[in-house]
Amino acid sequence: MTAGALLAVLVRPHLWATALVAAVRLAPAGWWRRWPPLPAPDPAYLRFRMVTNYGGEGDGPPAAADLVQYLDWCRRARRRRG
């Protein structure tokens, strides 16, 4: 995650819990056993998602606005499910 994406989430406290839940859900099983113990998505999965979203080689982080939009979508979807 870039500093811009991190800042975009930090200034939106209503997305903090959603971002944490998304990070843990996207993290590979046993993420806490690897150093550093951060719930980060598998790099291959993240690259695949970047290719399907942006095209090209899939290298590079998502745009901060896209991350905020995704987290907003996750938050709304979770509230609809109950």
PDB file of N, CA and C in Angstrom:
ATOM      1  N   MET A   1       0.848  -1.173   0.000  1.00  0.00           N
ATOM      2  CA  MET A   1       0.000   0.000   0.000  1.00  0.00           C
ATOM      3  C   MET A   1       0.893   1.234   0.000  1.00  0.00           C
ATOM      4  N   THR A   2       0.516   2.209  -0.773  1.00  0.00           N
ATOM      5  CA  THR A   2       1.298   3.436  -0.836  1.00  0.00           C
ATOM      6  C   THR A   2       0.920   4.359   0.314  1.00  0.00           C
ATOM      7  N   ALA A   3       1.759   5.346   0.527  1.00  0.00           N
ATOM      8  CA  ALA A   3       1.485   6.327   1.577  1.00  0.00           C
ATOM      9  C   ALA A   3       0.194   7.083   1.271  1.00  0.00           C
ATOM     10  N   GLY A   4      -0.048   7.362   0.002  1.00  0.00           N
ATOM     11  CA  GLY A   4      -1.276   8.058  -0.377  1.00  0.00           C
ATOM     12  C   GLY A   4      -2.522   7.244  -0.077  1.00  0.00           C
ATOM     13  N   ALA A   5      -2.461   5.944  -0.335  1.00  0.00           N
ATOM     14  CA  ALA A   5      -3.600   5.071  -0.051  1.00  0.00           C
ATOM     15  C   ALA A   5      -3.819   4.952   1.450  1.00  0.00           C
ATOM     16  N   LEU A   6      -2.723   4.826   2.190  1.00  0.00           N
ATOM     17  CA  LEU A   6      -2.824   4.747   3.649  1.00  0.00           C
ATOM     18  C   LEU A   6      -3.436   6.026   4.209  1.00  0.00           C
ATOM     19  N   LEU A   7      -2.982   7.161   3.735  1.00  0.00           N
ATOM     20  CA  LEU A   7      -3.519   8.443   4.186  1.00  0.00           C
ATOM     21  C   LEU A   7      -4.997   8.574   3.825  1.00  0.00           C
ATOM     22  N   ALA A   8      -5.374   8.117   2.623  1.00  0.00           N
ATOM     23  CA  ALA A   8      -6.773   8.196   2.189  1.00  0.00           C
ATOM     24  C   ALA A   8      -7.685   7.419   3.127  1.00  0.00           C
ATOM     25  N   VAL A   9      -7.192   6.298   3.670  1.00  0.00           N
ATOM     26  CA  VAL A   9      -7.994   5.516   4.622  1.00  0.00           C
ATOM     27  C   VAL A   9      -7.936   6.142   6.014  1.00  0.00           C
ATOM     28  N   LEU A  10      -6.770   6.626   6.417  1.00  0.00           N
ATOM     29  CA  LEU A  10      -6.619   7.206   7.760  1.00  0.00           C
ATOM     30  C   LEU A  10      -7.518   8.420   7.989  1.00  0.00           C
ATOM     31  N   VAL A  11      -7.779   9.190   6.951  1.00  0.00           N
ATOM     32  CA  VAL A  11      -8.618  10.385   7.120  1.00  0.00           C
ATOM     33  C   VAL A  11     -10.109  10.045   7.054  1.00  0.00           C
ATOM     34  N   ARG A  12     -10.432   8.770   6.913  1.00  0.00           N
ATOM     35  CA  ARG A  12     -11.829   8.311   6.873  1.00  0.00           C
ATOM     36  C   ARG A  12     -12.054   7.272   7.971  1.00  0.00           C
ATOM     37  N   PRO A  13     -12.239   7.721   9.202  1.00  0.00           N
ATOM     38  CA  PRO A  13     -12.390   6.777  10.325  1.00  0.00           C
ATOM     39  C   PRO A  13     -13.516   5.766  10.138  1.00  0.00           C
ATOM     40  N   HIS A  14     -14.550   6.119   9.373  1.00  0.00           N
ATOM     41  CA  HIS A  14     -15.647   5.181   9.156  1.00  0.00           C
ATOM     42  C   HIS A  14     -15.208   3.961   8.343  1.00  0.00           C
ATOM     43  N   LEU A  15     -14.034   4.029   7.724  1.00  0.00           N
ATOM     44  CA  LEU A  15     -13.526   2.896   6.931  1.00  0.00           C
ATOM     45  C   LEU A  15     -12.475   2.069   7.660  1.00  0.00           C
ATOM     46  N   TRP A  16     -12.066   2.465   8.845  1.00  0.00           N
ATOM     47  CA  TRP A  16     -10.994   1.758   9.551  1.00  0.00           C
ATOM     48  C   TRP A  16     -11.340   0.303   9.809  1.00  0.00           C
ATOM     49  N   ALA A  17     -12.500   0.044  10.365  1.00  0.00           N
ATOM     50  CA  ALA A  17     -12.882  -1.344  10.668  1.00  0.00           C
ATOM     51  C   ALA A  17     -13.016  -2.154   9.382  1.00  0.00           C
ATOM     52  N   THR A  18     -13.588  -1.549   8.354  1.00  0.00           N
ATOM     53  CA  THR A  18     -13.746  -2.236   7.074  1.00  0.00           C
ATOM     54  C   THR A  18     -12.389  -2.574   6.480  1.00  0.00           C
ATOM     55  N   ALA A  19     -11.433  -1.657   6.570  1.00  0.00           N
ATOM     56  CA  ALA A  19     -10.091  -1.908   6.046  1.00  0.00           C
ATOM     57  C   ALA A  19      -9.411  -3.039   6.806  1.00  0.00           C
ATOM     58  N   LEU A  20      -9.590  -3.070   8.100  1.00  0.00           N
ATOM     59  CA  LEU A  20      -8.989  -4.137   8.899  1.00  0.00           C
ATOM     60  C   LEU A  20      -9.593  -5.495   8.545  1.00  0.00           C
ATOM     61  N   VAL A  21     -10.911  -5.548   8.434  1.00  0.00           N
ATOM     62  CA  VAL A  21     -11.586  -6.796   8.059  1.00  0.00           C
ATOM     63  C   VAL A  21     -11.132  -7.241   6.668  1.00  0.00           C
ATOM     64  N   ALA A  22     -11.060  -6.317   5.725  1.00  0.00           N
ATOM     65  CA  ALA A  22     -10.627  -6.664   4.366  1.00  0.00           C
ATOM     66  C   ALA A  22      -9.194  -7.178   4.371  1.00  0.00           C
ATOM     67  N   ALA A  23      -8.316  -6.553   5.140  1.00  0.00           N
ATOM     68  CA  ALA A  23      -6.915  -6.991   5.191  1.00  0.00           C
ATOM     69  C   ALA A  23      -6.807  -8.411   5.723  1.00  0.00           C
ATOM     70  N   VAL A  24      -7.552  -8.716   6.762  1.00  0.00           N
ATOM     71  CA  VAL A  24      -7.492 -10.061   7.345  1.00  0.00           C
ATOM     72  C   VAL A  24      -8.113 -11.081   6.394  1.00  0.00           C
ATOM     73  N   ARG A  25      -9.199 -10.723   5.728  1.00  0.00           N
ATOM     74  CA  ARG A  25      -9.834 -11.661   4.789  1.00  0.00           C
ATOM     75  C   ARG A  25      -8.970 -11.936   3.573  1.00  0.00           C
ATOM     76  N   LEU A  26      -8.212 -10.947   3.116  1.00  0.00           N
ATOM     77  CA  LEU A  26      -7.371 -11.135   1.937  1.00  0.00           C
ATOM     78  C   LEU A  26      -6.021 -11.766   2.262  1.00  0.00           C
ATOM     79  N   ALA A  27      -5.673 -11.807   3.522  1.00  0.00           N
ATOM     80  CA  ALA A  27      -4.377 -12.363   3.931  1.00  0.00           C
ATOM     81  C   ALA A  27      -4.382 -13.881   3.777  1.00  0.00           C
ATOM     82  N   PRO A  28      -3.245 -14.436   3.383  1.00  0.00           N
ATOM     83  CA  PRO A  28      -3.177 -15.903   3.277  1.00  0.00           C
ATOM     84  C   PRO A  28      -3.254 -16.553   4.656  1.00  0.00           C
ATOM     85  N   ALA A  29      -3.678 -17.796   4.678  1.00  0.00           N
ATOM     86  CA  ALA A  29      -3.765 -18.530   5.941  1.00  0.00           C
ATOM     87  C   ALA A  29      -2.394 -18.584   6.608  1.00  0.00           C
ATOM     88  N   GLY A  30      -2.380 -18.411   7.909  1.00  0.00           N
ATOM     89  CA  GLY A  30      -1.134 -18.464   8.670  1.00  0.00           C
ATOM     90  C   GLY A  30      -0.244 -17.248   8.498  1.00  0.00           C
ATOM     91  N   TRP A  31      -0.829 -16.123   8.124  1.00  0.00           N
ATOM     92  CA  TRP A  31      -0.026 -14.911   7.890  1.00  0.00           C
ATOM     93  C   TRP A  31       0.760 -14.504   9.125  1.00  0.00           C
ATOM     94  N   TRP A  32       0.276 -14.837  10.299  1.00  0.00           N
ATOM     95  CA  TRP A  32       0.945 -14.434  11.541  1.00  0.00           C
ATOM     96  C   TRP A  32       2.231 -15.221  11.788  1.00  0.00           C
ATOM     97  N   ARG A  33       2.445 -16.313  11.047  1.00  0.00           N
ATOM     98  CA  ARG A  33       3.656 -17.117  11.224  1.00  0.00           C
ATOM     99  C   ARG A  33       4.824 -16.640  10.371  1.00  0.00           C
ATOM    100  N   ARG A  34       4.569 -15.727   9.456  1.00  0.00           N
ATOM    101  CA  ARG A  34       5.618 -15.222   8.559  1.00  0.00           C
ATOM    102  C   ARG A  34       6.058 -13.835   9.016  1.00  0.00           C
ATOM    103  N   TRP A  35       7.336 -13.530   8.785  1.00  0.00           N
ATOM    104  CA  TRP A  35       7.852 -12.216   9.154  1.00  0.00           C
ATOM    105  C   TRP A  35       7.816 -11.297   7.952  1.00  0.00           C
ATOM    106  N   PRO A  36       7.366 -10.091   8.083  1.00  0.00           N
ATOM    107  CA  PRO A  36       6.744  -9.484   9.262  1.00  0.00           C
ATOM    108  C   PRO A  36       5.298  -9.961   9.378  1.00  0.00           C
ATOM    109  N   PRO A  37       4.810 -10.115  10.590  1.00  0.00           N
ATOM    110  CA  PRO A  37       3.459 -10.649  10.788  1.00  0.00           C
ATOM    111  C   PRO A  37       2.376  -9.605  10.496  1.00  0.00           C
ATOM    112  N   LEU A  38       2.180  -9.333   9.218  1.00  0.00           N
ATOM    113  CA  LEU A  38       1.167  -8.378   8.788  1.00  0.00           C
ATOM    114  C   LEU A  38       0.156  -9.094   7.895  1.00  0.00           C
ATOM    115  N   PRO A  39      -1.123  -8.802   8.045  1.00  0.00           N
ATOM    116  CA  PRO A  39      -2.136  -9.466   7.214  1.00  0.00           C
ATOM    117  C   PRO A  39      -2.180  -8.877   5.807  1.00  0.00           C
ATOM    118  N   ALA A  40      -1.123  -9.073   5.051  1.00  0.00           N
ATOM    119  CA  ALA A  40      -1.039  -8.547   3.686  1.00  0.00           C
ATOM    120  C   ALA A  40      -1.447  -9.630   2.688  1.00  0.00           C
ATOM    121  N   PRO A  41      -2.122  -9.245   1.605  1.00  0.00           N
ATOM    122  CA  PRO A  41      -2.507 -10.230   0.601  1.00  0.00           C
ATOM    123  C   PRO A  41      -1.282 -10.876  -0.050  1.00  0.00           C
ATOM    124  N   ASP A  42      -1.456 -12.074  -0.535  1.00  0.00           N
ATOM    125  CA  ASP A  42      -0.400 -12.759  -1.265  1.00  0.00           C
ATOM    126  C   ASP A  42      -0.034 -11.898  -2.483  1.00  0.00           C
ATOM    127  N   PRO A  43       1.256 -11.672  -2.740  1.00  0.00           N
ATOM    128  CA  PRO A  43       1.655 -10.827  -3.868  1.00  0.00           C
ATOM    129  C   PRO A  43       1.121 -11.313  -5.225  1.00  0.00           C
ATOM    130  N   ALA A  44       1.048 -12.620  -5.429  1.00  0.00           N
ATOM    131  CA  ALA A  44       0.527 -13.152  -6.695  1.00  0.00           C
ATOM    132  C   ALA A  44      -0.957 -12.817  -6.847  1.00  0.00           C
ATOM    133  N   TYR A  45      -1.722 -12.938  -5.764  1.00  0.00           N
ATOM    134  CA  TYR A  45      -3.138 -12.598  -5.808  1.00  0.00           C
ATOM    135  C   TYR A  45      -3.319 -11.104  -6.073  1.00  0.00           C
ATOM    136  N   LEU A  46      -2.541 -10.286  -5.388  1.00  0.00           N
ATOM    137  CA  LEU A  46      -2.639  -8.844  -5.572  1.00  0.00           C
ATOM    138  C   LEU A  46      -2.285  -8.450  -7.006  1.00  0.00           C
ATOM    139  N   ARG A  47      -1.246  -9.062  -7.566  1.00  0.00           N
ATOM    140  CA  ARG A  47      -0.868  -8.785  -8.957  1.00  0.00           C
ATOM    141  C   ARG A  47      -2.008  -9.184  -9.901  1.00  0.00           C
ATOM    142  N   PHE A  48      -2.628 -10.357  -9.665  1.00  0.00           N
ATOM    143  CA  PHE A  48      -3.764 -10.799 -10.470  1.00  0.00           C
ATOM    144  C   PHE A  48      -4.893  -9.779 -10.416  1.00  0.00           C
ATOM    145  N   ARG A  49      -5.208  -9.294  -9.208  1.00  0.00           N
ATOM    146  CA  ARG A  49      -6.290  -8.312  -9.074  1.00  0.00           C
ATOM    147  C   ARG A  49      -5.952  -7.010  -9.792  1.00  0.00           C
ATOM    148  N   MET A  50      -4.688  -6.597  -9.756  1.00  0.00           N
ATOM    149  CA  MET A  50      -4.293  -5.366 -10.436  1.00  0.00           C
ATOM    150  C   MET A  50      -4.399  -5.529 -11.954  1.00  0.00           C
ATOM    151  N   VAL A  51      -4.048  -6.712 -12.475  1.00  0.00           N
ATOM    152  CA  VAL A  51      -4.170  -6.965 -13.915  1.00  0.00           C
ATOM    153  C   VAL A  51      -5.637  -6.934 -14.315  1.00  0.00           C
ATOM    154  N   THR A  52      -6.497  -7.602 -13.552  1.00  0.00           N
ATOM    155  CA  THR A  52      -7.916  -7.637 -13.916  1.00  0.00           C
ATOM    156  C   THR A  52      -8.592  -6.282 -13.740  1.00  0.00           C
ATOM    157  N   ASN A  53      -8.062  -5.439 -12.884  1.00  0.00           N
ATOM    158  CA  ASN A  53      -8.667  -4.126 -12.675  1.00  0.00           C
ATOM    159  C   ASN A  53      -8.109  -3.071 -13.625  1.00  0.00           C
ATOM    160  N   TYR A  54      -6.777  -3.048 -13.783  1.00  0.00           N
ATOM    161  CA  TYR A  54      -6.148  -1.983 -14.546  1.00  0.00           C
ATOM    162  C   TYR A  54      -5.563  -2.425 -15.877  1.00  0.00           C
ATOM    163  N   GLY A  55      -5.429  -3.744 -16.090  1.00  0.00           N
ATOM    164  CA  GLY A  55      -4.799  -4.233 -17.311  1.00  0.00           C
ATOM    165  C   GLY A  55      -3.288  -4.140 -17.211  1.00  0.00           C
ATOM    166  N   GLY A  56      -2.618  -4.343 -18.312  1.00  0.00           N
ATOM    167  CA  GLY A  56      -1.162  -4.247 -18.333  1.00  0.00           C
ATOM    168  C   GLY A  56      -0.509  -5.376 -17.566  1.00  0.00           C
ATOM    169  N   GLU A  57       0.596  -5.081 -16.947  1.00  0.00           N
ATOM    170  CA  GLU A  57       1.381  -6.086 -16.221  1.00  0.00           C
ATOM    171  C   GLU A  57       0.904  -6.287 -14.789  1.00  0.00           C
ATOM    172  N   GLY A  58       0.103  -5.392 -14.288  1.00  0.00           N
ATOM    173  CA  GLY A  58      -0.393  -5.544 -12.931  1.00  0.00           C
ATOM    174  C   GLY A  58       0.584  -5.116 -11.868  1.00  0.00           C
ATOM    175  N   ASP A  59       1.658  -4.474 -12.284  1.00  0.00           N
ATOM    176  CA  ASP A  59       2.602  -3.995 -11.274  1.00  0.00           C
ATOM    177  C   ASP A  59       2.187  -2.590 -10.856  1.00  0.00           C
ATOM    178  N   GLY A  60       2.421  -2.292  -9.647  1.00  0.00           N
ATOM    179  CA  GLY A  60       2.035  -0.993  -9.115  1.00  0.00           C
ATOM    180  C   GLY A  60       0.842  -1.129  -8.201  1.00  0.00           C
ATOM    181  N   PRO A  61       0.767  -0.260  -7.229  1.00  0.00           N
ATOM    182  CA  PRO A  61      -0.319  -0.318  -6.242  1.00  0.00           C
ATOM    183  C   PRO A  61      -1.613   0.258  -6.799  1.00  0.00           C
ATOM    184  N   PRO A  62      -2.740  -0.048  -6.164  1.00  0.00           N
ATOM    185  CA  PRO A  62      -4.001   0.545  -6.597  1.00  0.00           C
ATOM    186  C   PRO A  62      -4.021   2.042  -6.287  1.00  0.00           C
ATOM    187  N   ALA A  63      -4.800   2.764  -7.032  1.00  0.00           N
ATOM    188  CA  ALA A  63      -4.958   4.193  -6.780  1.00  0.00           C
ATOM    189  C   ALA A  63      -5.681   4.377  -5.445  1.00  0.00           C
ATOM    190  N   ALA A  64      -5.332   5.415  -4.723  1.00  0.00           N
ATOM    191  CA  ALA A  64      -5.941   5.676  -3.416  1.00  0.00           C
ATOM    192  C   ALA A  64      -7.455   5.815  -3.534  1.00  0.00           C
ATOM    193  N   ALA A  65      -7.920   6.510  -4.552  1.00  0.00           N
ATOM    194  CA  ALA A  65      -9.368   6.688  -4.729  1.00  0.00           C
ATOM    195  C   ALA A  65     -10.056   5.350  -4.976  1.00  0.00           C
ATOM    196  N   ASP A  66      -9.399   4.446  -5.716  1.00  0.00           N
ATOM    197  CA  ASP A  66      -9.978   3.127  -5.963  1.00  0.00           C
ATOM    198  C   ASP A  66     -10.051   2.308  -4.683  1.00  0.00           C
ATOM    199  N   LEU A  67      -9.045   2.422  -3.828  1.00  0.00           N
ATOM    200  CA  LEU A  67      -9.054   1.711  -2.554  1.00  0.00           C
ATOM    201  C   LEU A  67     -10.198   2.203  -1.678  1.00  0.00           C
ATOM    202  N   VAL A  68     -10.388   3.507  -1.605  1.00  0.00           N
ATOM    203  CA  VAL A  68     -11.476   4.084  -0.809  1.00  0.00           C
ATOM    204  C   VAL A  68     -12.823   3.634  -1.371  1.00  0.00           C
ATOM    205  N   GLN A  69     -12.958   3.639  -2.689  1.00  0.00           N
ATOM    206  CA  GLN A  69     -14.201   3.206  -3.314  1.00  0.00           C
ATOM    207  C   GLN A  69     -14.477   1.722  -3.010  1.00  0.00           C
ATOM    208  N   TYR A  70     -13.448   0.882  -3.072  1.00  0.00           N
ATOM    209  CA  TYR A  70     -13.607  -0.539  -2.755  1.00  0.00           C
ATOM    210  C   TYR A  70     -14.035  -0.732  -1.296  1.00  0.00           C
ATOM    211  N   LEU A  71     -13.391  -0.020  -0.384  1.00  0.00           N
ATOM    212  CA  LEU A  71     -13.749  -0.153   1.033  1.00  0.00           C
ATOM    213  C   LEU A  71     -15.161   0.356   1.306  1.00  0.00           C
ATOM    214  N   ASP A  72     -15.555   1.432   0.640  1.00  0.00           N
ATOM    215  CA  ASP A  72     -16.939   1.908   0.772  1.00  0.00           C
ATOM    216  C   ASP A  72     -17.923   0.842   0.290  1.00  0.00           C
ATOM    217  N   TRP A  73     -17.600   0.200  -0.830  1.00  0.00           N
ATOM    218  CA  TRP A  73     -18.451  -0.859  -1.357  1.00  0.00           C
ATOM    219  C   TRP A  73     -18.542  -2.020  -0.367  1.00  0.00           C
ATOM    220  N   CYS A  74     -17.407  -2.429   0.200  1.00  0.00           N
ATOM    221  CA  CYS A  74     -17.399  -3.508   1.191  1.00  0.00           C
ATOM    222  C   CYS A  74     -18.267  -3.143   2.393  1.00  0.00           C
ATOM    223  N   ARG A  75     -18.146  -1.925   2.842  1.00  0.00           N
ATOM    224  CA  ARG A  75     -18.915  -1.458   4.016  1.00  0.00           C
ATOM    225  C   ARG A  75     -20.406  -1.479   3.729  1.00  0.00           C
ATOM    226  N   ARG A  76     -20.803  -0.969   2.563  1.00  0.00           N
ATOM    227  CA  ARG A  76     -22.231  -0.974   2.208  1.00  0.00           C
ATOM    228  C   ARG A  76     -22.748  -2.400   2.038  1.00  0.00           C
ATOM    229  N   ALA A  77     -21.967  -3.264   1.413  1.00  0.00           N
ATOM    230  CA  ALA A  77     -22.400  -4.657   1.189  1.00  0.00           C
ATOM    231  C   ALA A  77     -22.566  -5.385   2.520  1.00  0.00           C
ATOM    232  N   ARG A  78     -21.659  -5.152   3.452  1.00  0.00           N
ATOM    233  CA  ARG A  78     -21.753  -5.803   4.751  1.00  0.00           C
ATOM    234  C   ARG A  78     -22.981  -5.333   5.519  1.00  0.00           C
ATOM    235  N   ARG A  79     -23.293  -4.053   5.413  1.00  0.00           N
ATOM    236  CA  ARG A  79     -24.473  -3.519   6.110  1.00  0.00           C
ATOM    237  C   ARG A  79     -25.758  -4.075   5.496  1.00  0.00           C
ATOM    238  N   ARG A  80     -25.786  -4.302   4.174  1.00  0.00           N
ATOM    239  CA  ARG A  80     -26.968  -4.855   3.520  1.00  0.00           C
ATOM    240  C   ARG A  80     -27.214  -6.300   3.937  1.00  0.00           C
ATOM    241  N   ARG A  81     -26.114  -7.044   4.153  1.00  0.00           N
ATOM    242  CA  ARG A  81     -26.244  -8.453   4.544  1.00  0.00           C
ATOM    243  C   ARG A  81     -26.725  -8.594   5.991  1.00  0.00           C
ATOM    244  N   GLY A  82     -26.488  -7.550   6.754  1.00  0.00           N
ATOM    245  CA  GLY A  82     -26.986  -7.570   8.121  1.00  0.00           C
ATOM    246  C   GLY A  82     -26.009  -7.865   9.135  1.00  0.00           C
TER     247      GLY A  82
END
